[in-house]
C-alpha atoms as a PDB file:
ATOM      1  CA  MET A   1     -22.735  43.076  -9.218  1.00  0.00           C
ATOM      2  CA  LEU A   2     -22.905  46.831  -8.932  1.00  0.00           C
ATOM      3  CA  THR A   3     -24.194  49.737 -10.967  1.00  0.00           C
ATOM      4  CA  PRO A   4     -21.871  52.538 -12.084  1.00  0.00           C
ATOM      5  CA  ARG A   5     -23.322  54.538  -9.115  1.00  0.00           C
ATOM      6  CA  GLY A   6     -22.229  51.887  -6.739  1.00  0.00           C
ATOM      7  CA  ARG A   7     -25.686  50.421  -6.082  1.00  0.00           C
ATOM      8  CA  VAL A   8     -26.530  46.663  -5.899  1.00  0.00           C
ATOM      9  CA  TYR A   9     -27.593  45.502  -9.214  1.00  0.00           C
ATOM     10  CA  ALA A  10     -27.535  41.734  -8.533  1.00  0.00           C
ATOM     11  CA  GLU A  11     -26.501  38.992  -6.204  1.00  0.00           C
ATOM     12  CA  LEU A  12     -24.743  35.972  -7.708  1.00  0.00           C
ATOM     13  CA  THR A  13     -22.913  32.814  -6.638  1.00  0.00           C
ATOM     14  CA  ILE A  14     -20.002  32.191  -8.918  1.00  0.00           C
ATOM     15  CA  THR A  15     -18.044  28.851  -9.011  1.00  0.00           C
ATOM     16  CA  ARG A  16     -14.833  28.435 -11.070  1.00  0.00           C
ATOM     17  CA  ASP A  17     -15.098  25.038 -12.715  1.00  0.00           C
ATOM     18  CA  GLU A  18     -11.896  25.501 -14.818  1.00  0.00           C
ATOM     19  CA  GLU A  19      -9.280  28.176 -15.349  1.00  0.00           C
ATOM     20  CA  ASN A  20     -11.520  30.125 -17.667  1.00  0.00           C
ATOM     21  CA  LYS A  21     -14.949  28.427 -17.059  1.00  0.00           C
ATOM     22  CA  TYR A  22     -17.437  29.689 -14.487  1.00  0.00           C
ATOM     23  CA  PHE A  23     -20.794  28.386 -13.229  1.00  0.00           C
ATOM     24  CA  VAL A  24     -23.010  31.360 -12.344  1.00  0.00           C
ATOM     25  CA  ILE A  25     -26.173  30.952 -10.149  1.00  0.00           C
ATOM     26  CA  THR A  26     -28.789  33.602  -9.482  1.00  0.00           C
ATOM     27  CA  GLY A  27     -32.340  33.613  -8.136  1.00  0.00           C
ATOM     28  CA  SER A  28     -35.015  32.086 -10.316  1.00  0.00           C
ATOM     29  CA  GLY A  29     -36.721  35.490 -10.810  1.00  0.00           C
ATOM     30  CA  SER A  30     -33.482  37.137 -11.781  1.00  0.00           C
ATOM     31  CA  GLU A  31     -32.315  34.951 -14.608  1.00  0.00           C
ATOM     32  CA  LEU A  32     -32.825  37.293 -17.594  1.00  0.00           C
ATOM     33  CA  HIS A  33     -32.273  40.396 -15.484  1.00  0.00           C
ATOM     34  CA  ASP A  34     -28.730  39.323 -14.657  1.00  0.00           C
ATOM     35  CA  LEU A  35     -27.867  37.522 -17.950  1.00  0.00           C
ATOM     36  CA  ARG A  36     -28.833  40.695 -19.933  1.00  0.00           C
ATOM     37  CA  TRP A  37     -26.616  42.828 -17.833  1.00  0.00           C
ATOM     38  CA  MET A  38     -23.670  40.578 -18.206  1.00  0.00           C
ATOM     39  CA  GLU A  39     -24.166  40.297 -21.954  1.00  0.00           C
ATOM     40  CA  GLU A  40     -24.523  44.053 -22.412  1.00  0.00           C
ATOM     41  CA  LYS A  41     -21.324  44.733 -20.384  1.00  0.00           C
ATOM     42  CA  ALA A  42     -19.352  42.098 -22.243  1.00  0.00           C
ATOM     43  CA  TYR A  43     -20.501  43.560 -25.567  1.00  0.00           C
ATOM     44  CA  ALA A  44     -19.776  47.154 -24.567  1.00  0.00           C
ATOM     45  CA  GLY A  45     -16.354  46.293 -23.176  1.00  0.00           C
ATOM     46  CA  LYS A  46     -15.556  44.024 -26.209  1.00  0.00           C
ATOM     47  CA  TYR A  47     -14.524  41.232 -23.768  1.00  0.00           C
ATOM     48  CA  ASP A  48     -13.732  37.675 -25.128  1.00  0.00           C
ATOM     49  CA  VAL A  49     -16.304  35.889 -23.140  1.00  0.00           C
ATOM     50  CA  GLN A  50     -19.166  33.500 -24.084  1.00  0.00           C
ATOM     51  CA  PHE A  51     -22.354  32.803 -22.169  1.00  0.00           C
ATOM     52  CA  LYS A  52     -24.401  29.709 -22.171  1.00  0.00           C
ATOM     53  CA  ASN A  53     -27.823  29.760 -20.381  1.00  0.00           C
ATOM     54  CA  VAL A  54     -28.449  26.266 -18.854  1.00  0.00           C
ATOM     55  CA  THR A  55     -31.439  27.248 -16.854  1.00  0.00           C
ATOM     56  CA  ASP A  56     -33.824  24.971 -18.755  1.00  0.00           C
ATOM     57  CA  ASP A  57     -31.490  21.978 -18.514  1.00  0.00           C
ATOM     58  CA  VAL A  58     -30.340  22.065 -14.949  1.00  0.00           C
ATOM     59  CA  ALA A  59     -32.277  21.644 -11.724  1.00  0.00           C
ATOM     60  CA  CYS A  60     -31.282  22.102  -8.166  1.00  0.00           C
ATOM     61  CA  LEU A  61     -32.155  20.237  -4.947  1.00  0.00           C
ATOM     62  CA  SER A  62     -30.864  21.451  -1.549  1.00  0.00           C
ATOM     63  CA  ILE A  63     -30.312  19.563   1.719  1.00  0.00           C
ATOM     64  CA  ALA A  64     -29.715  21.515   4.954  1.00  0.00           C
ATOM     65  CA  GLY A  65     -29.512  21.028   8.647  1.00  0.00           C
ATOM     66  CA  PRO A  66     -27.129  19.603  11.379  1.00  0.00           C
ATOM     67  CA  LEU A  67     -27.731  16.005  10.059  1.00  0.00           C
ATOM     68  CA  SER A  68     -27.428  16.738   6.363  1.00  0.00           C
ATOM     69  CA  ARG A  69     -23.825  15.357   6.236  1.00  0.00           C
ATOM     70  CA  ASP A  70     -24.976  12.179   7.822  1.00  0.00           C
ATOM     71  CA  ILE A  71     -27.628  11.744   5.243  1.00  0.00           C
ATOM     72  CA  LEU A  72     -25.450  12.632   2.366  1.00  0.00           C
ATOM     73  CA  ALA A  73     -22.764  10.224   3.562  1.00  0.00           C
ATOM     74  CA  LYS A  74     -25.300   7.322   3.165  1.00  0.00           C
ATOM     75  CA  VAL A  75     -25.829   7.902  -0.485  1.00  0.00           C
ATOM     76  CA  THR A  76     -22.370   8.893  -1.927  1.00  0.00           C
ATOM     77  CA  GLU A  77     -18.992   7.329  -1.904  1.00  0.00           C
ATOM     78  CA  SER A  78     -17.343  10.752  -1.813  1.00  0.00           C
ATOM     79  CA  ASP A  79     -15.750  12.032   1.369  1.00  0.00           C
ATOM     80  CA  VAL A  80     -18.126  14.739   2.595  1.00  0.00           C
ATOM     81  CA  SER A  81     -16.355  15.394   5.829  1.00  0.00           C
ATOM     82  CA  HIS A  82     -15.531  18.985   6.875  1.00  0.00           C
ATOM     83  CA  ALA A  83     -11.856  18.426   6.094  1.00  0.00           C
ATOM     84  CA  ALA A  84     -12.511  16.899   2.607  1.00  0.00           C
ATOM     85  CA  PHE A  85     -15.412  19.191   1.569  1.00  0.00           C
ATOM     86  CA  LYS A  86     -14.976  22.587   2.971  1.00  0.00           C
ATOM     87  CA  PHE A  87     -17.542  25.419   3.167  1.00  0.00           C
ATOM     88  CA  MET A  88     -17.844  27.454  -0.108  1.00  0.00           C
ATOM     89  CA  THR A  89     -16.266  24.753  -2.276  1.00  0.00           C
ATOM     90  CA  CYS A  90     -17.669  22.703  -5.118  1.00  0.00           C
ATOM     91  CA  GLN A  91     -17.141  19.037  -6.133  1.00  0.00           C
ATOM     92  CA  SER A  92     -18.686  16.730  -8.750  1.00  0.00           C
ATOM     93  CA  ILE A  93     -20.056  13.738  -6.760  1.00  0.00           C
ATOM     94  CA  LYS A  94     -22.511  10.925  -7.345  1.00  0.00           C
ATOM     95  CA  ILE A  95     -25.584  10.575  -5.191  1.00  0.00           C
ATOM     96  CA  GLY A  96     -26.898   7.088  -5.793  1.00  0.00           C
ATOM     97  CA  ASP A  97     -26.399   6.906  -9.565  1.00  0.00           C
ATOM     98  CA  VAL A  98     -27.002  10.590 -10.187  1.00  0.00           C
ATOM     99  CA  THR A  99     -24.008  12.773 -10.968  1.00  0.00           C
ATOM    100  CA  VAL A 100     -24.380  16.270  -9.361  1.00  0.00           C
ATOM    101  CA  LYS A 101     -22.377  19.419  -8.966  1.00  0.00           C
ATOM    102  CA  ALA A 102     -22.407  19.818  -5.211  1.00  0.00           C
ATOM    103  CA  LEU A 103     -21.802  23.251  -3.669  1.00  0.00           C
ATOM    104  CA  ARG A 104     -21.393  23.351   0.123  1.00  0.00           C
ATOM    105  CA  ILE A 105     -23.555  26.340   0.694  1.00  0.00           C
ATOM    106  CA  SER A 106     -26.968  27.043   2.110  1.00  0.00           C
ATOM    107  CA  TYR A 107     -29.203  30.144   2.380  1.00  0.00           C
ATOM    108  CA  THR A 108     -30.365  28.723   5.618  1.00  0.00           C
ATOM    109  CA  GLY A 109     -27.046  29.366   7.336  1.00  0.00           C
ATOM    110  CA  GLU A 110     -26.916  25.776   8.502  1.00  0.00           C
ATOM    111  CA  LEU A 111     -24.736  22.915   7.247  1.00  0.00           C
ATOM    112  CA  GLY A 112     -25.952  22.125   3.780  1.00  0.00           C
ATOM    113  CA  TRP A 113     -25.299  21.475   0.175  1.00  0.00           C
ATOM    114  CA  GLU A 114     -26.944  22.544  -3.152  1.00  0.00           C
ATOM    115  CA  PHE A 115     -27.045  19.766  -5.849  1.00  0.00           C
ATOM    116  CA  TYR A 116     -27.132  20.982  -9.451  1.00  0.00           C
ATOM    117  CA  HIS A 117     -27.999  18.183 -11.812  1.00  0.00           C
ATOM    118  CA  ASP A 118     -29.786  17.221 -15.052  1.00  0.00           C
ATOM    119  CA  LYS A 119     -33.424  18.141 -14.585  1.00  0.00           C
ATOM    120  CA  GLY A 120     -34.435  14.714 -15.848  1.00  0.00           C
ATOM    121  CA  ASP A 121     -32.808  13.263 -12.695  1.00  0.00           C
ATOM    122  CA  THR A 122     -34.646  15.320 -10.213  1.00  0.00           C
ATOM    123  CA  SER A 123     -37.217  12.781  -9.162  1.00  0.00           C
ATOM    124  CA  LYS A 124     -34.705  10.079  -8.682  1.00  0.00           C
ATOM    125  CA  LEU A 125     -32.279  12.297  -6.794  1.00  0.00           C
ATOM    126  CA  TYR A 126     -35.127  13.512  -4.472  1.00  0.00           C
ATOM    127  CA  ASP A 127     -36.285   9.977  -3.758  1.00  0.00           C
ATOM    128  CA  THR A 128     -32.756   8.815  -2.974  1.00  0.00           C
ATOM    129  CA  LEU A 129     -32.189  11.616  -0.490  1.00  0.00           C
ATOM    130  CA  MET A 130     -35.597  11.333   1.200  1.00  0.00           C
ATOM    131  CA  LYS A 131     -35.215   7.644   1.623  1.00  0.00           C
ATOM    132  CA  ALA A 132     -31.728   7.986   3.110  1.00  0.00           C
ATOM    133  CA  GLY A 133     -33.109  10.644   5.368  1.00  0.00           C
ATOM    134  CA  GLU A 134     -36.054   8.730   6.781  1.00  0.00           C
ATOM    135  CA  PRO A 135     -34.256   7.465   9.879  1.00  0.00           C
ATOM    136  CA  PHE A 136     -33.059  11.174  10.553  1.00  0.00           C
ATOM    137  CA  GLY A 137     -36.453  12.686  10.256  1.00  0.00           C
ATOM    138  CA  ILE A 138     -35.961  14.400   6.910  1.00  0.00           C
ATOM    139  CA  GLY A 139     -38.703  16.538   5.535  1.00  0.00           C
ATOM    140  CA  ASP A 140     -39.472  19.255   2.948  1.00  0.00           C
ATOM    141  CA  PHE A 141     -39.118  23.007   3.746  1.00  0.00           C
ATOM    142  CA  GLY A 142     -40.281  26.086   1.934  1.00  0.00           C
ATOM    143  CA  THR A 143     -39.341  29.708   1.278  1.00  0.00           C
ATOM    144  CA  TYR A 144     -40.986  31.022   4.452  1.00  0.00           C
ATOM    145  CA  ALA A 145     -38.902  28.699   6.580  1.00  0.00           C
ATOM    146  CA  ILE A 146     -35.729  29.766   4.597  1.00  0.00           C
ATOM    147  CA  ASN A 147     -36.703  33.386   5.077  1.00  0.00           C
ATOM    148  CA  VAL A 148     -36.774  32.953   8.790  1.00  0.00           C
ATOM    149  CA  MET A 149     -33.570  31.251   8.969  1.00  0.00           C
ATOM    150  CA  ARG A 150     -31.665  33.625   6.757  1.00  0.00           C
ATOM    151  CA  LEU A 151     -32.838  36.602   8.814  1.00  0.00           C
ATOM    152  CA  GLU A 152     -31.837  35.014  12.086  1.00  0.00           C
ATOM    153  CA  LYS A 153     -28.406  34.326  10.510  1.00  0.00           C
ATOM    154  CA  GLY A 154     -28.008  37.917   9.175  1.00  0.00           C
ATOM    155  CA  PHE A 155     -28.282  37.145   5.498  1.00  0.00           C
ATOM    156  CA  ARG A 156     -29.449  39.941   3.190  1.00  0.00           C
ATOM    157  CA  MET A 157     -31.786  39.256   0.153  1.00  0.00           C
ATOM    158  CA  TRP A 158     -31.705  40.862  -3.191  1.00  0.00           C
ATOM    159  CA  GLY A 159     -34.937  42.671  -3.862  1.00  0.00           C
ATOM    160  CA  ALA A 160     -35.279  43.559  -0.162  1.00  0.00           C
ATOM    161  CA  GLU A 161     -32.154  44.594   1.641  1.00  0.00           C
ATOM    162  CA  MET A 162     -30.243  44.914  -1.623  1.00  0.00           C
ATOM    163  CA  LEU A 163     -31.631  46.960  -4.482  1.00  0.00           C
ATOM    164  CA  THR A 164     -30.435  49.513  -7.030  1.00  0.00           C
ATOM    165  CA  ASP A 165     -31.560  52.166  -4.483  1.00  0.00           C
ATOM    166  CA  ASN A 166     -29.017  50.839  -1.972  1.00  0.00           C
ATOM    167  CA  ASN A 167     -25.289  50.541  -1.832  1.00  0.00           C
ATOM    168  CA  PRO A 168     -23.520  47.497  -0.255  1.00  0.00           C
ATOM    169  CA  LEU A 169     -21.832  49.534   2.408  1.00  0.00           C
ATOM    170  CA  GLU A 170     -25.015  50.720   3.927  1.00  0.00           C
ATOM    171  CA  ALA A 171     -26.448  47.174   3.572  1.00  0.00           C
ATOM    172  CA  GLY A 172     -23.601  45.854   5.745  1.00  0.00           C
ATOM    173  CA  LEU A 173     -21.969  43.949   2.926  1.00  0.00           C
ATOM    174  CA  GLN A 174     -18.327  45.313   3.526  1.00  0.00           C
ATOM    175  CA  PRO A 175     -16.786  41.786   3.909  1.00  0.00           C
ATOM    176  CA  PHE A 176     -17.705  41.139   0.211  1.00  0.00           C
ATOM    177  CA  ILE A 177     -16.281  44.486  -1.102  1.00  0.00           C
ATOM    178  CA  LYS A 178     -12.523  44.640  -1.748  1.00  0.00           C
ATOM    179  CA  LEU A 179     -11.842  48.303  -2.560  1.00  0.00           C
ATOM    180  CA  LYS A 180      -8.088  47.962  -2.272  1.00  0.00           C
ATOM    181  CA  LYS A 181      -7.874  45.270  -4.968  1.00  0.00           C
ATOM    182  CA  GLU A 182      -5.892  46.221  -8.026  1.00  0.00           C
ATOM    183  CA  ALA A 183      -8.476  45.090 -10.437  1.00  0.00           C
ATOM    184  CA  ASP A 184     -11.174  47.656 -11.493  1.00  0.00           C
ATOM    185  CA  PHE A 185     -14.844  46.755 -11.366  1.00  0.00           C
ATOM    186  CA  ILE A 186     -18.111  48.533 -12.158  1.00  0.00           C
ATOM    187  CA  GLY A 187     -19.118  50.842  -9.224  1.00  0.00           C
ATOM    188  CA  LYS A 188     -15.699  50.806  -7.599  1.00  0.00           C
ATOM    189  CA  ASP A 189     -15.005  54.578  -7.909  1.00  0.00           C
ATOM    190  CA  ALA A 190     -18.531  55.330  -6.793  1.00  0.00           C
ATOM    191  CA  LEU A 191     -18.095  53.111  -3.700  1.00  0.00           C
ATOM    192  CA  ILE A 192     -14.882  54.740  -2.776  1.00  0.00           C
ATOM    193  CA  ALA A 193     -16.553  58.145  -2.898  1.00  0.00           C
ATOM    194  CA  LEU A 194     -19.562  57.042  -0.958  1.00  0.00           C
ATOM    195  CA  LYS A 195     -17.212  55.557   1.782  1.00  0.00           C
ATOM    196  CA  GLU A 196     -15.248  58.827   1.969  1.00  0.00           C
ATOM    197  CA  GLU A 197     -18.478  60.927   2.181  1.00  0.00           C
ATOM    198  CA  GLY A 198     -19.788  58.787   4.959  1.00  0.00           C
ATOM    199  CA  LEU A 199     -22.997  56.672   4.948  1.00  0.00           C
ATOM    200  CA  LYS A 200     -26.278  58.556   5.442  1.00  0.00           C
ATOM    201  CA  ARG A 201     -28.242  55.539   6.378  1.00  0.00           C
ATOM    202  CA  LYS A 202     -27.589  51.961   7.503  1.00  0.00           C
ATOM    203  CA  LEU A 203     -29.395  48.582   7.650  1.00  0.00           C
ATOM    204  CA  VAL A 204     -30.298  47.452  11.213  1.00  0.00           C
ATOM    205  CA  LEU A 205     -32.084  44.504  12.742  1.00  0.00           C
ATOM    206  CA  LEU A 206     -35.140  45.259  14.794  1.00  0.00           C
ATOM    207  CA  THR A 207     -37.024  43.065  17.271  1.00  0.00           C
ATOM    208  CA  VAL A 208     -40.661  44.136  17.313  1.00  0.00           C
ATOM    209  CA  ASP A 209     -43.250  43.636  20.078  1.00  0.00           C
ATOM    210  CA  THR A 210     -46.296  42.661  18.080  1.00  0.00           C
ATOM    211  CA  ASP A 211     -49.489  40.743  18.767  1.00  0.00           C
ATOM    212  CA  ASN A 212     -50.949  38.799  15.851  1.00  0.00           C
ATOM    213  CA  VAL A 213     -49.047  40.452  12.944  1.00  0.00           C
ATOM    214  CA  ASP A 214     -45.505  40.272  11.660  1.00  0.00           C
ATOM    215  CA  PRO A 215     -43.460  42.722   9.616  1.00  0.00           C
ATOM    216  CA  GLU A 216     -42.951  41.752   5.970  1.00  0.00           C
ATOM    217  CA  GLY A 217     -41.268  44.734   4.451  1.00  0.00           C
ATOM    218  CA  ASN A 218     -41.882  48.282   3.255  1.00  0.00           C
ATOM    219  CA  GLU A 219     -43.549  49.276   6.579  1.00  0.00           C
ATOM    220  CA  THR A 220     -43.112  52.850   7.848  1.00  0.00           C
ATOM    221  CA  ILE A 221     -40.802  53.517  10.788  1.00  0.00           C
ATOM    222  CA  ARG A 222     -41.101  56.479  13.103  1.00  0.00           C
ATOM    223  CA  ILE A 223     -39.072  58.005  15.931  1.00  0.00           C
ATOM    224  CA  ASN A 224     -40.839  60.557  18.047  1.00  0.00           C
ATOM    225  CA  GLY A 225     -43.692  60.680  15.470  1.00  0.00           C
ATOM    226  CA  GLU A 226     -41.368  61.498  12.547  1.00  0.00           C
ATOM    227  CA  VAL A 227     -40.950  59.126   9.568  1.00  0.00           C
ATOM    228  CA  VAL A 228     -37.338  58.040   9.550  1.00  0.00           C
ATOM    229  CA  GLY A 229     -37.139  54.846   7.562  1.00  0.00           C
ATOM    230  CA  ASN A 230     -38.764  51.666   6.379  1.00  0.00           C
ATOM    231  CA  THR A 231     -38.534  47.864   6.961  1.00  0.00           C
ATOM    232  CA  THR A 232     -37.218  45.738   4.113  1.00  0.00           C
ATOM    233  CA  SER A 233     -38.215  42.284   5.170  1.00  0.00           C
ATOM    234  CA  GLY A 234     -39.342  40.475   8.384  1.00  0.00           C
ATOM    235  CA  CYS A 235     -40.853  37.399   9.958  1.00  0.00           C
ATOM    236  CA  PHE A 236     -41.598  35.613  13.190  1.00  0.00           C
ATOM    237  CA  SER A 237     -38.470  34.365  14.726  1.00  0.00           C
ATOM    238  CA  HIS A 238     -38.896  30.970  16.445  1.00  0.00           C
ATOM    239  CA  TYR A 239     -35.427  31.446  17.877  1.00  0.00           C
ATOM    240  CA  LEU A 240     -36.539  34.511  19.762  1.00  0.00           C
ATOM    241  CA  ASN A 241     -40.231  33.853  19.853  1.00  0.00           C
ATOM    242  CA  LYS A 242     -40.929  37.269  18.562  1.00  0.00           C
ATOM    243  CA  SER A 243     -41.136  39.272  15.435  1.00  0.00           C
ATOM    244  CA  ILE A 244     -37.952  40.561  13.693  1.00  0.00           C
ATOM    245  CA  CYS A 245     -37.219  42.676  10.723  1.00  0.00           C
ATOM    246  CA  TYR A 246     -34.528  44.516   8.785  1.00  0.00           C
ATOM    247  CA  ALA A 247     -34.813  48.262   8.286  1.00  0.00           C
ATOM    248  CA  TYR A 248     -33.061  51.244   6.909  1.00  0.00           C
ATOM    249  CA  LEU A 249     -32.502  54.155   9.269  1.00  0.00           C
ATOM    250  CA  PRO A 250     -30.429  57.391   9.257  1.00  0.00           C
ATOM    251  CA  SER A 251     -26.876  56.498  10.363  1.00  0.00           C
ATOM    252  CA  THR A 252     -27.398  58.776  13.455  1.00  0.00           C
ATOM    253  CA  MET A 253     -30.150  56.651  14.706  1.00  0.00           C
ATOM    254  CA  THR A 254     -28.661  53.152  14.487  1.00  0.00           C
ATOM    255  CA  GLU A 255     -27.273  52.609  17.969  1.00  0.00           C
ATOM    256  CA  ILE A 256     -28.019  49.168  19.621  1.00  0.00           C
ATOM    257  CA  GLY A 257     -31.039  49.545  21.916  1.00  0.00           C
ATOM    258  CA  THR A 258     -32.635  52.540  20.094  1.00  0.00           C
ATOM    259  CA  GLN A 259     -36.459  52.327  20.159  1.00  0.00           C
ATOM    260  CA  VAL A 260     -38.565  52.973  17.110  1.00  0.00           C
ATOM    261  CA  GLN A 261     -42.287  52.664  16.160  1.00  0.00           C
ATOM    262  CA  VAL A 262     -43.127  50.213  13.383  1.00  0.00           C
ATOM    263  CA  GLU A 263     -46.461  50.607  11.608  1.00  0.00           C
ATOM    264  CA  LEU A 264     -48.165  47.397  10.890  1.00  0.00           C
ATOM    265  CA  LEU A 265     -51.687  47.338   9.534  1.00  0.00           C
ATOM    266  CA  GLY A 266     -52.260  50.945  10.771  1.00  0.00           C
ATOM    267  CA  ASN A 267     -51.119  50.204  14.331  1.00  0.00           C
ATOM    268  CA  GLN A 268     -47.804  51.219  15.980  1.00  0.00           C
ATOM    269  CA  TYR A 269     -45.524  48.593  17.500  1.00  0.00           C
ATOM    270  CA  THR A 270     -42.313  49.161  19.439  1.00  0.00           C
ATOM    271  CA  GLY A 271     -39.140  47.992  17.757  1.00  0.00           C
ATOM    272  CA  ILE A 272     -35.702  47.752  19.226  1.00  0.00           C
ATOM    273  CA  ILE A 273     -32.376  47.823  17.342  1.00  0.00           C
ATOM    274  CA  THR A 274     -30.726  44.630  18.137  1.00  0.00           C
ATOM    275  CA  LYS A 275     -27.229  43.229  17.551  1.00  0.00           C
ATOM    276  CA  GLU A 276     -26.996  40.841  14.665  1.00  0.00           C
ATOM    277  CA  PRO A 277     -26.824  38.009  13.821  1.00  0.00           C
ATOM    278  CA  LEU A 278     -29.245  36.415  16.223  1.00  0.00           C
ATOM    279  CA  GLN A 279     -27.603  33.034  15.538  1.00  0.00           C
ATOM    280  CA  ASP A 280     -24.201  32.027  14.308  1.00  0.00           C
ATOM    281  CA  THR A 281     -24.039  30.336  10.953  1.00  0.00           C
ATOM    282  CA  GLU A 282     -22.785  26.709  10.771  1.00  0.00           C
ATOM    283  CA  PRO A 283     -19.273  27.821   9.422  1.00  0.00           C
ATOM    284  CA  THR A 284     -18.971  30.261  12.396  1.00  0.00           C
ATOM    285  CA  LYS A 285     -19.986  27.557  14.827  1.00  0.00           C
ATOM    286  CA  THR A 286     -17.566  25.088  13.314  1.00  0.00           C
ATOM    287  CA  ARG A 287     -14.655  27.627  13.510  1.00  0.00           C
ATOM    288  CA  LYS A 288     -15.414  28.391  17.134  1.00  0.00           C
ATOM    289  CA  ALA A 289     -15.610  24.715  18.003  1.00  0.00           C
ATOM    290  CA  MET A 290     -12.253  23.936  16.191  1.00  0.00           C
ATOM    291  CA  LYS A 291     -10.638  26.878  18.031  1.00  0.00           C
ATOM    292  CA  ALA A 292     -11.958  25.865  21.428  1.00  0.00           C
ATOM    293  CA  ALA A 293     -10.649  22.336  20.804  1.00  0.00           C
ATOM    294  CA  LYS A 294      -7.169  23.524  20.032  1.00  0.00           C
ATOM    295  CA  LEU A 295      -7.129  25.490  23.275  1.00  0.00           C
ATOM    296  CA  LYS A 296      -7.824  22.398  25.392  1.00  0.00           C
END
């Protein structure tokens, strides 16, 4: 969702359950922030819409990784093949004896599902998945691991790369913005104007040569001693075996290969603008594999 000035107000996942019924998901820390915005806009526009906050009733467990389909297939009678359960779709399925709303999405960028269910069933659902996954080496993973994987896959994060200080064009979110659609939306006119004016800065991916420290966000970036931008988030990439981060820089300084200095704990480290993403997401890998198979 955008502000009237064309800035990023919120990031949501919206699933249409029925013709006029939608399931809206946001980050745990953004619940009231996003709900208040939608309620205010609905009231101001006199729209015929009702909101029901089910946050306290619904829980979510996620499974992700190359073997997640194999594990899921062991505990459900539903067809979870690629053909039957495509990326970015939702189905109601049973895992063991727990009914879940299953979304085939994953912030890791890997093959995966999110399972939304009655919070009273969480322990049972977790035990079912973990038991089925034992032969595959299943384990828990946390937000630091997710952050590494989403950065390597080129995913932005609200509160870091996306803020009310940023517009989605400079954040590299053009694929999600349909300016030619007939329908109007908040921030559309502002975005069109911003695009016509030209972007003053852009989000870039940096690899950083560090020693025992990694970028985390809000670190100063210099070129030839002059402050030119800041990092937004970062981590140690196990794929590259070096530190990486996102950063905003002036549009004139965003060419691949450009060197910058990133300040970490008072020291300057060399960063290099790098082509992204570092790794293809699972849907991209699948498309490439299917295309290659057709060419044989």
